[in-house]
Amino acid sequence: TVTGRGITNYADSVKDRFTISRENAKNTVYLQMNSLGSEDTAVY
């Protein structure tokens, strides 16, 4: 998760691999996922 002021929170299982970001002007949030494994298979 990420707040409008940029404070982030990650699950322990992804914190070293995923990055969340938010562009408030575009009303958009992103999730960059690296080093993906089978445990990451899911509906997001």
PDB file of all heavy atoms in Angstrom:
ATOM      1  N   THR A   1       0.838  -1.188   0.000  1.00  0.00           N
ATOM      2  CA  THR A   1       0.000   0.000   0.000  1.00  0.00           C
ATOM      3  C   THR A   1       0.873   1.238   0.000  1.00  0.00           C
ATOM      4  O   THR A   1       2.032   1.203   0.405  1.00  0.00           O
ATOM      5  CB  THR A   1      -0.939   0.057   1.218  1.00  0.00           C
ATOM      6  OG1 THR A   1      -0.179   0.078   2.425  1.00  0.00           O
ATOM      7  CG2 THR A   1      -1.887  -1.142   1.233  1.00  0.00           C
ATOM      8  N   VAL A   2       0.286   2.344  -0.436  1.00  0.00           N
ATOM      9  CA  VAL A   2       0.976   3.621  -0.422  1.00  0.00           C
ATOM     10  C   VAL A   2      -0.043   4.722  -0.168  1.00  0.00           C
ATOM     11  O   VAL A   2      -1.141   4.711  -0.736  1.00  0.00           O
ATOM     12  CB  VAL A   2       1.757   3.865  -1.732  1.00  0.00           C
ATOM     13  CG1 VAL A   2       0.825   3.819  -2.946  1.00  0.00           C
ATOM     14  CG2 VAL A   2       2.512   5.188  -1.677  1.00  0.00           C
ATOM     15  N   THR A   3       0.297   5.662   0.691  1.00  0.00           N
ATOM     16  CA  THR A   3      -0.583   6.788   0.957  1.00  0.00           C
ATOM     17  C   THR A   3      -0.345   7.886  -0.065  1.00  0.00           C
ATOM     18  O   THR A   3       0.587   7.840  -0.863  1.00  0.00           O
ATOM     19  CB  THR A   3      -0.360   7.351   2.360  1.00  0.00           C
ATOM     20  OG1 THR A   3       0.911   8.012   2.409  1.00  0.00           O
ATOM     21  CG2 THR A   3      -0.406   6.253   3.407  1.00  0.00           C
ATOM     22  N   GLY A   4      -1.209   8.895  -0.028  1.00  0.00           N
ATOM     23  CA  GLY A   4      -1.049  10.026  -0.924  1.00  0.00           C
ATOM     24  C   GLY A   4       0.240  10.785  -0.701  1.00  0.00           C
ATOM     25  O   GLY A   4       0.708  11.491  -1.604  1.00  0.00           O
ATOM     26  N   ARG A   5       0.821  10.658   0.469  1.00  0.00           N
ATOM     27  CA  ARG A   5       2.083  11.322   0.781  1.00  0.00           C
ATOM     28  C   ARG A   5       3.296  10.431   0.572  1.00  0.00           C
ATOM     29  O   ARG A   5       4.409  10.834   0.888  1.00  0.00           O
ATOM     30  CB  ARG A   5       2.051  11.835   2.222  1.00  0.00           C
ATOM     31  CG  ARG A   5       0.945  12.853   2.458  1.00  0.00           C
ATOM     32  CD  ARG A   5       0.992  13.411   3.863  1.00  0.00           C
ATOM     33  NE  ARG A   5      -0.109  14.336   4.104  1.00  0.00           N
ATOM     34  CZ  ARG A   5      -0.082  15.621   3.798  1.00  0.00           C
ATOM     35  NH1 ARG A   5       1.002  16.149   3.252  1.00  0.00           N
ATOM     36  NH2 ARG A   5      -1.139  16.383   4.043  1.00  0.00           N
ATOM     37  N   GLY A   6       3.071   9.223   0.053  1.00  0.00           N
ATOM     38  CA  GLY A   6       4.180   8.373  -0.316  1.00  0.00           C
ATOM     39  C   GLY A   6       4.653   7.391   0.732  1.00  0.00           C
ATOM     40  O   GLY A   6       5.708   6.764   0.548  1.00  0.00           O
ATOM     41  N   ILE A   7       3.922   7.225   1.799  1.00  0.00           N
ATOM     42  CA  ILE A   7       4.289   6.253   2.822  1.00  0.00           C
ATOM     43  C   ILE A   7       3.889   4.867   2.341  1.00  0.00           C
ATOM     44  O   ILE A   7       2.732   4.627   2.010  1.00  0.00           O
ATOM     45  CB  ILE A   7       3.625   6.573   4.161  1.00  0.00           C
ATOM     46  CG1 ILE A   7       4.032   7.966   4.642  1.00  0.00           C
ATOM     47  CG2 ILE A   7       3.985   5.521   5.202  1.00  0.00           C
ATOM     48  CD1 ILE A   7       3.288   8.437   5.865  1.00  0.00           C
ATOM     49  N   THR A   8       4.829   3.947   2.325  1.00  0.00           N
ATOM     50  CA  THR A   8       4.599   2.617   1.775  1.00  0.00           C
ATOM     51  C   THR A   8       4.605   1.547   2.850  1.00  0.00           C
ATOM     52  O   THR A   8       5.204   1.702   3.916  1.00  0.00           O
ATOM     53  CB  THR A   8       5.655   2.265   0.720  1.00  0.00           C
ATOM     54  OG1 THR A   8       6.960   2.327   1.309  1.00  0.00           O
ATOM     55  CG2 THR A   8       5.585   3.237  -0.448  1.00  0.00           C
ATOM     56  N   ASN A   9       3.942   0.457   2.527  1.00  0.00           N
ATOM     57  CA  ASN A   9       3.907  -0.706   3.396  1.00  0.00           C
ATOM     58  C   ASN A   9       3.883  -1.942   2.510  1.00  0.00           C
ATOM     59  O   ASN A   9       3.129  -1.993   1.542  1.00  0.00           O
ATOM     60  CB  ASN A   9       2.681  -0.670   4.306  1.00  0.00           C
ATOM     61  CG  ASN A   9       2.658  -1.810   5.294  1.00  0.00           C
ATOM     62  OD1 ASN A   9       3.666  -2.129   5.909  1.00  0.00           O
ATOM     63  ND2 ASN A   9       1.495  -2.429   5.476  1.00  0.00           N
ATOM     64  N   TYR A  10       4.700  -2.938   2.864  1.00  0.00           N
ATOM     65  CA  TYR A  10       4.811  -4.150   2.066  1.00  0.00           C
ATOM     66  C   TYR A  10       4.623  -5.384   2.911  1.00  0.00           C
ATOM     67  O   TYR A  10       5.020  -5.424   4.081  1.00  0.00           O
ATOM     68  CB  TYR A  10       6.187  -4.246   1.406  1.00  0.00           C
ATOM     69  CG  TYR A  10       6.498  -3.180   0.392  1.00  0.00           C
ATOM     70  CD1 TYR A  10       7.131  -2.004   0.772  1.00  0.00           C
ATOM     71  CD2 TYR A  10       6.178  -3.362  -0.941  1.00  0.00           C
ATOM     72  CE1 TYR A  10       7.427  -1.029  -0.161  1.00  0.00           C
ATOM     73  CE2 TYR A  10       6.474  -2.391  -1.883  1.00  0.00           C
ATOM     74  CZ  TYR A  10       7.097  -1.229  -1.484  1.00  0.00           C
ATOM     75  OH  TYR A  10       7.395  -0.264  -2.422  1.00  0.00           O
ATOM     76  N   ALA A  11       4.042  -6.399   2.310  1.00  0.00           N
ATOM     77  CA  ALA A  11       4.063  -7.706   2.929  1.00  0.00           C
ATOM     78  C   ALA A  11       5.498  -8.212   2.963  1.00  0.00           C
ATOM     79  O   ALA A  11       6.292  -7.927   2.060  1.00  0.00           O
ATOM     80  CB  ALA A  11       3.183  -8.684   2.149  1.00  0.00           C
ATOM     81  N   ASP A  12       5.838  -8.955   4.003  1.00  0.00           N
ATOM     82  CA  ASP A  12       7.203  -9.445   4.143  1.00  0.00           C
ATOM     83  C   ASP A  12       7.635 -10.295   2.951  1.00  0.00           C
ATOM     84  O   ASP A  12       8.812 -10.290   2.567  1.00  0.00           O
ATOM     85  CB  ASP A  12       7.346 -10.262   5.427  1.00  0.00           C
ATOM     86  CG  ASP A  12       7.306  -9.410   6.678  1.00  0.00           C
ATOM     87  OD1 ASP A  12       7.508  -8.185   6.582  1.00  0.00           O
ATOM     88  OD2 ASP A  12       7.074  -9.977   7.764  1.00  0.00           O
ATOM     89  N   SER A  13       6.702 -10.992   2.353  1.00  0.00           N
ATOM     90  CA  SER A  13       7.029 -11.899   1.267  1.00  0.00           C
ATOM     91  C   SER A  13       7.421 -11.190  -0.024  1.00  0.00           C
ATOM     92  O   SER A  13       7.998 -11.814  -0.916  1.00  0.00           O
ATOM     93  CB  SER A  13       5.847 -12.834   0.986  1.00  0.00           C
ATOM     94  OG  SER A  13       4.696 -12.098   0.623  1.00  0.00           O
ATOM     95  N   VAL A  14       7.129  -9.891  -0.134  1.00  0.00           N
ATOM     96  CA  VAL A  14       7.390  -9.184  -1.385  1.00  0.00           C
ATOM     97  C   VAL A  14       8.264  -7.955  -1.214  1.00  0.00           C
ATOM     98  O   VAL A  14       8.678  -7.357  -2.218  1.00  0.00           O
ATOM     99  CB  VAL A  14       6.082  -8.761  -2.078  1.00  0.00           C
ATOM    100  CG1 VAL A  14       5.151  -9.947  -2.238  1.00  0.00           C
ATOM    101  CG2 VAL A  14       5.396  -7.628  -1.325  1.00  0.00           C
ATOM    102  N   LYS A  15       8.575  -7.553  -0.007  1.00  0.00           N
ATOM    103  CA  LYS A  15       9.197  -6.253   0.232  1.00  0.00           C
ATOM    104  C   LYS A  15      10.566  -6.091  -0.425  1.00  0.00           C
ATOM    105  O   LYS A  15      10.980  -4.967  -0.708  1.00  0.00           O
ATOM    106  CB  LYS A  15       9.293  -5.971   1.729  1.00  0.00           C
ATOM    107  CG  LYS A  15      10.166  -6.935   2.503  1.00  0.00           C
ATOM    108  CD  LYS A  15      10.148  -6.598   3.984  1.00  0.00           C
ATOM    109  CE  LYS A  15      11.000  -7.557   4.792  1.00  0.00           C
ATOM    110  NZ  LYS A  15      10.968  -7.234   6.240  1.00  0.00           N
ATOM    111  N   ASP A  16      11.261  -7.164  -0.671  1.00  0.00           N
ATOM    112  CA  ASP A  16      12.572  -7.093  -1.308  1.00  0.00           C
ATOM    113  C   ASP A  16      12.506  -7.233  -2.823  1.00  0.00           C
ATOM    114  O   ASP A  16      13.529  -7.114  -3.503  1.00  0.00           O
ATOM    115  CB  ASP A  16      13.505  -8.172  -0.747  1.00  0.00           C
ATOM    116  CG  ASP A  16      13.824  -7.980   0.719  1.00  0.00           C
ATOM    117  OD1 ASP A  16      13.910  -6.816   1.163  1.00  0.00           O
ATOM    118  OD2 ASP A  16      13.994  -8.988   1.425  1.00  0.00           O
ATOM    119  N   ARG A  17      11.305  -7.468  -3.346  1.00  0.00           N
ATOM    120  CA  ARG A  17      11.163  -7.729  -4.774  1.00  0.00           C
ATOM    121  C   ARG A  17      10.199  -6.784  -5.478  1.00  0.00           C
ATOM    122  O   ARG A  17      10.335  -6.541  -6.673  1.00  0.00           O
ATOM    123  CB  ARG A  17      10.682  -9.165  -4.992  1.00  0.00           C
ATOM    124  CG  ARG A  17      11.631 -10.215  -4.438  1.00  0.00           C
ATOM    125  CD  ARG A  17      11.115 -11.625  -4.710  1.00  0.00           C
ATOM    126  NE  ARG A  17       9.875 -11.894  -3.985  1.00  0.00           N
ATOM    127  CZ  ARG A  17       8.729 -12.218  -4.563  1.00  0.00           C
ATOM    128  NH1 ARG A  17       8.646 -12.317  -5.885  1.00  0.00           N
ATOM    129  NH2 ARG A  17       7.656 -12.470  -3.831  1.00  0.00           N
ATOM    130  N   PHE A  18       9.202  -6.276  -4.759  1.00  0.00           N
ATOM    131  CA  PHE A  18       8.165  -5.436  -5.357  1.00  0.00           C
ATOM    132  C   PHE A  18       8.331  -3.990  -4.929  1.00  0.00           C
ATOM    133  O   PHE A  18       8.811  -3.703  -3.824  1.00  0.00           O
ATOM    134  CB  PHE A  18       6.770  -5.908  -4.931  1.00  0.00           C
ATOM    135  CG  PHE A  18       6.359  -7.256  -5.457  1.00  0.00           C
ATOM    136  CD1 PHE A  18       7.235  -8.068  -6.157  1.00  0.00           C
ATOM    137  CD2 PHE A  18       5.065  -7.711  -5.237  1.00  0.00           C
ATOM    138  CE1 PHE A  18       6.853  -9.310  -6.634  1.00  0.00           C
ATOM    139  CE2 PHE A  18       4.666  -8.952  -5.710  1.00  0.00           C
ATOM    140  CZ  PHE A  18       5.556  -9.750  -6.403  1.00  0.00           C
ATOM    141  N   THR A  19       7.889  -3.086  -5.785  1.00  0.00           N
ATOM    142  CA  THR A  19       7.905  -1.670  -5.477  1.00  0.00           C
ATOM    143  C   THR A  19       6.571  -1.054  -5.865  1.00  0.00           C
ATOM    144  O   THR A  19       6.130  -1.198  -7.006  1.00  0.00           O
ATOM    145  CB  THR A  19       9.035  -0.940  -6.213  1.00  0.00           C
ATOM    146  OG1 THR A  19      10.298  -1.518  -5.864  1.00  0.00           O
ATOM    147  CG2 THR A  19       9.046   0.536  -5.823  1.00  0.00           C
ATOM    148  N   ILE A  20       5.939  -0.383  -4.915  1.00  0.00           N
ATOM    149  CA  ILE A  20       4.687   0.305  -5.194  1.00  0.00           C
ATOM    150  C   ILE A  20       4.957   1.804  -5.316  1.00  0.00           C
ATOM    151  O   ILE A  20       5.794   2.357  -4.603  1.00  0.00           O
ATOM    152  CB  ILE A  20       3.634   0.026  -4.104  1.00  0.00           C
ATOM    153  CG1 ILE A  20       2.261   0.557  -4.527  1.00  0.00           C
ATOM    154  CG2 ILE A  20       4.057   0.604  -2.757  1.00  0.00           C
ATOM    155  CD1 ILE A  20       1.123   0.093  -3.629  1.00  0.00           C
ATOM    156  N   SER A  21       4.249   2.445  -6.221  1.00  0.00           N
ATOM    157  CA  SER A  21       4.374   3.883  -6.393  1.00  0.00           C
ATOM    158  C   SER A  21       3.026   4.458  -6.782  1.00  0.00           C
ATOM    159  O   SER A  21       2.151   3.750  -7.273  1.00  0.00           O
ATOM    160  CB  SER A  21       5.440   4.226  -7.436  1.00  0.00           C
ATOM    161  OG  SER A  21       5.119   3.658  -8.696  1.00  0.00           O
ATOM    162  N   ARG A  22       2.875   5.753  -6.557  1.00  0.00           N
ATOM    163  CA  ARG A  22       1.603   6.415  -6.809  1.00  0.00           C
ATOM    164  C   ARG A  22       1.853   7.767  -7.455  1.00  0.00           C
ATOM    165  O   ARG A  22       2.646   8.557  -6.950  1.00  0.00           O
ATOM    166  CB  ARG A  22       0.826   6.574  -5.495  1.00  0.00           C
ATOM    167  CG  ARG A  22      -0.527   7.251  -5.601  1.00  0.00           C
ATOM    168  CD  ARG A  22      -1.225   7.221  -4.245  1.00  0.00           C
ATOM    169  NE  ARG A  22      -2.503   7.893  -4.258  1.00  0.00           N
ATOM    170  CZ  ARG A  22      -3.335   7.969  -3.229  1.00  0.00           C
ATOM    171  NH1 ARG A  22      -3.014   7.390  -2.077  1.00  0.00           N
ATOM    172  NH2 ARG A  22      -4.490   8.616  -3.345  1.00  0.00           N
ATOM    173  N   GLU A  23       1.157   8.017  -8.550  1.00  0.00           N
ATOM    174  CA  GLU A  23       1.194   9.305  -9.210  1.00  0.00           C
ATOM    175  C   GLU A  23      -0.155   9.971  -8.979  1.00  0.00           C
ATOM    176  O   GLU A  23      -1.135   9.680  -9.659  1.00  0.00           O
ATOM    177  CB  GLU A  23       1.474   9.162 -10.700  1.00  0.00           C
ATOM    178  CG  GLU A  23       2.865   8.654 -11.016  1.00  0.00           C
ATOM    179  CD  GLU A  23       3.183   8.721 -12.490  1.00  0.00           C
ATOM    180  OE1 GLU A  23       2.929   9.777 -13.100  1.00  0.00           O
ATOM    181  OE2 GLU A  23       3.688   7.723 -13.034  1.00  0.00           O
ATOM    182  N   ASN A  24      -0.186  10.867  -8.023  1.00  0.00           N
ATOM    183  CA  ASN A  24      -1.446  11.479  -7.628  1.00  0.00           C
ATOM    184  C   ASN A  24      -2.088  12.279  -8.756  1.00  0.00           C
ATOM    185  O   ASN A  24      -3.312  12.287  -8.892  1.00  0.00           O
ATOM    186  CB  ASN A  24      -1.229  12.373  -6.408  1.00  0.00           C
ATOM    187  CG  ASN A  24      -0.817  11.595  -5.181  1.00  0.00           C
ATOM    188  OD1 ASN A  24      -1.354  10.524  -4.901  1.00  0.00           O
ATOM    189  ND2 ASN A  24       0.133  12.134  -4.431  1.00  0.00           N
ATOM    190  N   ALA A  25      -1.280  12.955  -9.544  1.00  0.00           N
ATOM    191  CA  ALA A  25      -1.807  13.773 -10.629  1.00  0.00           C
ATOM    192  C   ALA A  25      -2.503  12.933 -11.689  1.00  0.00           C
ATOM    193  O   ALA A  25      -3.385  13.425 -12.394  1.00  0.00           O
ATOM    194  CB  ALA A  25      -0.696  14.598 -11.257  1.00  0.00           C
ATOM    195  N   LYS A  26      -2.107  11.673 -11.814  1.00  0.00           N
ATOM    196  CA  LYS A  26      -2.707  10.775 -12.791  1.00  0.00           C
ATOM    197  C   LYS A  26      -3.707   9.808 -12.172  1.00  0.00           C
ATOM    198  O   LYS A  26      -4.257   8.960 -12.877  1.00  0.00           O
ATOM    199  CB  LYS A  26      -1.621   9.982 -13.513  1.00  0.00           C
ATOM    200  CG  LYS A  26      -0.673  10.827 -14.348  1.00  0.00           C
ATOM    201  CD  LYS A  26       0.331   9.951 -15.077  1.00  0.00           C
ATOM    202  CE  LYS A  26       1.248  10.785 -15.952  1.00  0.00           C
ATOM    203  NZ  LYS A  26       2.233   9.941 -16.672  1.00  0.00           N
ATOM    204  N   ASN A  27      -3.915   9.916 -10.878  1.00  0.00           N
ATOM    205  CA  ASN A  27      -4.823   9.010 -10.167  1.00  0.00           C
ATOM    206  C   ASN A  27      -4.460   7.553 -10.417  1.00  0.00           C
ATOM    207  O   ASN A  27      -5.334   6.703 -10.624  1.00  0.00           O
ATOM    208  CB  ASN A  27      -6.276   9.264 -10.578  1.00  0.00           C
ATOM    209  CG  ASN A  27      -6.745  10.657 -10.250  1.00  0.00           C
ATOM    210  OD1 ASN A  27      -6.319  11.245  -9.254  1.00  0.00           O
ATOM    211  ND2 ASN A  27      -7.629  11.197 -11.079  1.00  0.00           N
ATOM    212  N   THR A  28      -3.180   7.263 -10.381  1.00  0.00           N
ATOM    213  CA  THR A  28      -2.695   5.954 -10.771  1.00  0.00           C
ATOM    214  C   THR A  28      -1.701   5.401  -9.751  1.00  0.00           C
ATOM    215  O   THR A  28      -0.879   6.139  -9.223  1.00  0.00           O
ATOM    216  CB  THR A  28      -2.024   6.013 -12.152  1.00  0.00           C
ATOM    217  OG1 THR A  28      -2.963   6.500 -13.116  1.00  0.00           O
ATOM    218  CG2 THR A  28      -1.542   4.643 -12.589  1.00  0.00           C
ATOM    219  N   VAL A  29      -1.803   4.113  -9.511  1.00  0.00           N
ATOM    220  CA  VAL A  29      -0.849   3.419  -8.660  1.00  0.00           C
ATOM    221  C   VAL A  29      -0.227   2.288  -9.465  1.00  0.00           C
ATOM    222  O   VAL A  29      -0.894   1.666 -10.301  1.00  0.00           O
ATOM    223  CB  VAL A  29      -1.515   2.894  -7.367  1.00  0.00           C
ATOM    224  CG1 VAL A  29      -2.558   1.822  -7.676  1.00  0.00           C
ATOM    225  CG2 VAL A  29      -0.465   2.372  -6.392  1.00  0.00           C
ATOM    226  N   TYR A  30       1.048   2.025  -9.220  1.00  0.00           N
ATOM    227  CA  TYR A  30       1.781   1.008  -9.948  1.00  0.00           C
ATOM    228  C   TYR A  30       2.355  -0.022  -8.977  1.00  0.00           C
ATOM    229  O   TYR A  30       2.593   0.266  -7.802  1.00  0.00           O
ATOM    230  CB  TYR A  30       2.938   1.621 -10.735  1.00  0.00           C
ATOM    231  CG  TYR A  30       2.541   2.731 -11.670  1.00  0.00           C
ATOM    232  CD1 TYR A  30       2.600   4.060 -11.264  1.00  0.00           C
ATOM    233  CD2 TYR A  30       2.102   2.458 -12.963  1.00  0.00           C
ATOM    234  CE1 TYR A  30       2.236   5.082 -12.113  1.00  0.00           C
ATOM    235  CE2 TYR A  30       1.737   3.474 -13.812  1.00  0.00           C
ATOM    236  CZ  TYR A  30       1.805   4.789 -13.389  1.00  0.00           C
ATOM    237  OH  TYR A  30       1.442   5.808 -14.242  1.00  0.00           O
ATOM    238  N   LEU A  31       2.598  -1.196  -9.510  1.00  0.00           N
ATOM    239  CA  LEU A  31       3.295  -2.223  -8.760  1.00  0.00           C
ATOM    240  C   LEU A  31       4.328  -2.854  -9.671  1.00  0.00           C
ATOM    241  O   LEU A  31       3.977  -3.578 -10.606  1.00  0.00           O
ATOM    242  CB  LEU A  31       2.338  -3.293  -8.231  1.00  0.00           C
ATOM    243  CG  LEU A  31       2.980  -4.359  -7.338  1.00  0.00           C
ATOM    244  CD1 LEU A  31       3.418  -3.743  -6.010  1.00  0.00           C
ATOM    245  CD2 LEU A  31       2.013  -5.514  -7.087  1.00  0.00           C
ATOM    246  N   GLN A  32       5.589  -2.568  -9.409  1.00  0.00           N
ATOM    247  CA  GLN A  32       6.685  -3.180 -10.142  1.00  0.00           C
ATOM    248  C   GLN A  32       7.061  -4.471  -9.436  1.00  0.00           C
ATOM    249  O   GLN A  32       7.436  -4.449  -8.262  1.00  0.00           O
ATOM    250  CB  GLN A  32       7.887  -2.241 -10.210  1.00  0.00           C
ATOM    251  CG  GLN A  32       9.104  -2.828 -10.910  1.00  0.00           C
ATOM    252  CD  GLN A  32       8.865  -3.070 -12.381  1.00  0.00           C
ATOM    253  OE1 GLN A  32       8.348  -2.200 -13.076  1.00  0.00           O
ATOM    254  NE2 GLN A  32       9.228  -4.253 -12.858  1.00  0.00           N
ATOM    255  N   MET A  33       6.970  -5.581 -10.143  1.00  0.00           N
ATOM    256  CA  MET A  33       7.219  -6.889  -9.569  1.00  0.00           C
ATOM    257  C   MET A  33       8.430  -7.514 -10.238  1.00  0.00           C
ATOM    258  O   MET A  33       8.434  -7.726 -11.448  1.00  0.00           O
ATOM    259  CB  MET A  33       6.000  -7.797  -9.724  1.00  0.00           C
ATOM    260  CG  MET A  33       4.717  -7.208  -9.159  1.00  0.00           C
ATOM    261  SD  MET A  33       3.321  -8.366  -9.229  1.00  0.00           S
ATOM    262  CE  MET A  33       3.112  -8.483 -11.007  1.00  0.00           C
ATOM    263  N   ASN A  34       9.441  -7.810  -9.455  1.00  0.00           N
ATOM    264  CA  ASN A  34      10.663  -8.420  -9.951  1.00  0.00           C
ATOM    265  C   ASN A  34      10.891  -9.775  -9.284  1.00  0.00           C
ATOM    266  O   ASN A  34      10.315 -10.072  -8.245  1.00  0.00           O
ATOM    267  CB  ASN A  34      11.868  -7.512  -9.682  1.00  0.00           C
ATOM    268  CG  ASN A  34      11.760  -6.170 -10.359  1.00  0.00           C
ATOM    269  OD1 ASN A  34      11.273  -6.064 -11.488  1.00  0.00           O
ATOM    270  ND2 ASN A  34      12.232  -5.125  -9.682  1.00  0.00           N
ATOM    271  N   SER A  35      11.743 -10.570  -9.895  1.00  0.00           N
ATOM    272  CA  SER A  35      12.095 -11.890  -9.359  1.00  0.00           C
ATOM    273  C   SER A  35      10.857 -12.709  -9.032  1.00  0.00           C
ATOM    274  O   SER A  35      10.741 -13.291  -7.945  1.00  0.00           O
ATOM    275  CB  SER A  35      12.990 -11.733  -8.127  1.00  0.00           C
ATOM    276  OG  SER A  35      14.171 -11.025  -8.437  1.00  0.00           O
ATOM    277  N   LEU A  36       9.946 -12.766  -9.961  1.00  0.00           N
ATOM    278  CA  LEU A  36       8.683 -13.450  -9.731  1.00  0.00           C
ATOM    279  C   LEU A  36       8.868 -14.959  -9.625  1.00  0.00           C
ATOM    280  O   LEU A  36       9.682 -15.556 -10.336  1.00  0.00           O
ATOM    281  CB  LEU A  36       7.700 -13.129 -10.851  1.00  0.00           C
ATOM    282  CG  LEU A  36       7.134 -11.709 -10.814  1.00  0.00           C
ATOM    283  CD1 LEU A  36       6.507 -11.354 -12.155  1.00  0.00           C
ATOM    284  CD2 LEU A  36       6.114 -11.578  -9.690  1.00  0.00           C
ATOM    285  N   GLY A  37       8.093 -15.557  -8.737  1.00  0.00           N
ATOM    286  CA  GLY A  37       8.089 -16.997  -8.557  1.00  0.00           C
ATOM    287  C   GLY A  37       6.679 -17.528  -8.583  1.00  0.00           C
ATOM    288  O   GLY A  37       5.708 -16.772  -8.637  1.00  0.00           O
ATOM    289  N   SER A  38       6.554 -18.836  -8.541  1.00  0.00           N
ATOM    290  CA  SER A  38       5.238 -19.462  -8.619  1.00  0.00           C
ATOM    291  C   SER A  38       4.328 -19.024  -7.481  1.00  0.00           C
ATOM    292  O   SER A  38       3.103 -18.998  -7.646  1.00  0.00           O
ATOM    293  CB  SER A  38       5.377 -20.986  -8.622  1.00  0.00           C
ATOM    294  OG  SER A  38       6.019 -21.447  -7.445  1.00  0.00           O
ATOM    295  N   GLU A  39       4.900 -18.681  -6.348  1.00  0.00           N
ATOM    296  CA  GLU A  39       4.103 -18.235  -5.208  1.00  0.00           C
ATOM    297  C   GLU A  39       3.412 -16.901  -5.466  1.00  0.00           C
ATOM    298  O   GLU A  39       2.509 -16.517  -4.711  1.00  0.00           O
ATOM    299  CB  GLU A  39       4.977 -18.139  -3.947  1.00  0.00           C
ATOM    300  CG  GLU A  39       6.009 -17.012  -3.961  1.00  0.00           C
ATOM    301  CD  GLU A  39       7.311 -17.384  -4.648  1.00  0.00           C
ATOM    302  OE1 GLU A  39       7.361 -18.434  -5.329  1.00  0.00           O
ATOM    303  OE2 GLU A  39       8.286 -16.629  -4.503  1.00  0.00           O
ATOM    304  N   ASP A  40       3.819 -16.199  -6.510  1.00  0.00           N
ATOM    305  CA  ASP A  40       3.222 -14.916  -6.850  1.00  0.00           C
ATOM    306  C   ASP A  40       2.031 -15.047  -7.795  1.00  0.00           C
ATOM    307  O   ASP A  40       1.384 -14.043  -8.101  1.00  0.00           O
ATOM    308  CB  ASP A  40       4.268 -13.991  -7.467  1.00  0.00           C
ATOM    309  CG  ASP A  40       5.424 -13.703  -6.522  1.00  0.00           C
ATOM    310  OD1 ASP A  40       5.157 -13.346  -5.358  1.00  0.00           O
ATOM    311  OD2 ASP A  40       6.588 -13.841  -6.946  1.00  0.00           O
ATOM    312  N   THR A  41       1.760 -16.237  -8.268  1.00  0.00           N
ATOM    313  CA  THR A  41       0.619 -16.453  -9.154  1.00  0.00           C
ATOM    314  C   THR A  41      -0.676 -16.195  -8.396  1.00  0.00           C
ATOM    315  O   THR A  41      -0.945 -16.814  -7.369  1.00  0.00           O
ATOM    316  CB  THR A  41       0.624 -17.877  -9.710  1.00  0.00           C
ATOM    317  OG1 THR A  41       1.760 -18.064 -10.553  1.00  0.00           O
ATOM    318  CG2 THR A  41      -0.637 -18.149 -10.521  1.00  0.00           C
ATOM    319  N   ALA A  42      -1.481 -15.272  -8.900  1.00  0.00           N
ATOM    320  CA  ALA A  42      -2.717 -14.882  -8.234  1.00  0.00           C
ATOM    321  C   ALA A  42      -3.435 -13.854  -9.086  1.00  0.00           C
ATOM    322  O   ALA A  42      -2.890 -13.338 -10.067  1.00  0.00           O
ATOM    323  CB  ALA A  42      -2.422 -14.295  -6.852  1.00  0.00           C
ATOM    324  N   VAL A  43      -4.661 -13.551  -8.697  1.00  0.00           N
ATOM    325  CA  VAL A  43      -5.353 -12.395  -9.229  1.00  0.00           C
ATOM    326  C   VAL A  43      -5.002 -11.211  -8.345  1.00  0.00           C
ATOM    327  O   VAL A  43      -5.157 -11.272  -7.128  1.00  0.00           O
ATOM    328  CB  VAL A  43      -6.875 -12.597  -9.269  1.00  0.00           C
ATOM    329  CG1 VAL A  43      -7.572 -11.336  -9.761  1.00  0.00           C
ATOM    330  CG2 VAL A  43      -7.225 -13.780 -10.162  1.00  0.00           C
ATOM    331  N   TYR A  44      -4.532 -10.151  -8.960  1.00  0.00           N
ATOM    332  CA  TYR A  44      -4.119  -8.964  -8.228  1.00  0.00           C
ATOM    333  C   TYR A  44      -5.206  -7.903  -8.334  1.00  0.00           C
ATOM    334  O   TYR A  44      -5.651  -7.558  -9.428  1.00  0.00           O
ATOM    335  CB  TYR A  44      -2.796  -8.432  -8.773  1.00  0.00           C
ATOM    336  CG  TYR A  44      -1.614  -9.256  -8.344  1.00  0.00           C
ATOM    337  CD1 TYR A  44      -1.412 -10.534  -8.854  1.00  0.00           C
ATOM    338  CD2 TYR A  44      -0.697  -8.769  -7.411  1.00  0.00           C
ATOM    339  CE1 TYR A  44      -0.341 -11.310  -8.446  1.00  0.00           C
ATOM    340  CE2 TYR A  44       0.377  -9.538  -7.002  1.00  0.00           C
ATOM    341  CZ  TYR A  44       0.553 -10.805  -7.518  1.00  0.00           C
ATOM    342  OH  TYR A  44       1.622 -11.567  -7.114  1.00  0.00           O
TER     343      TYR A  44
END
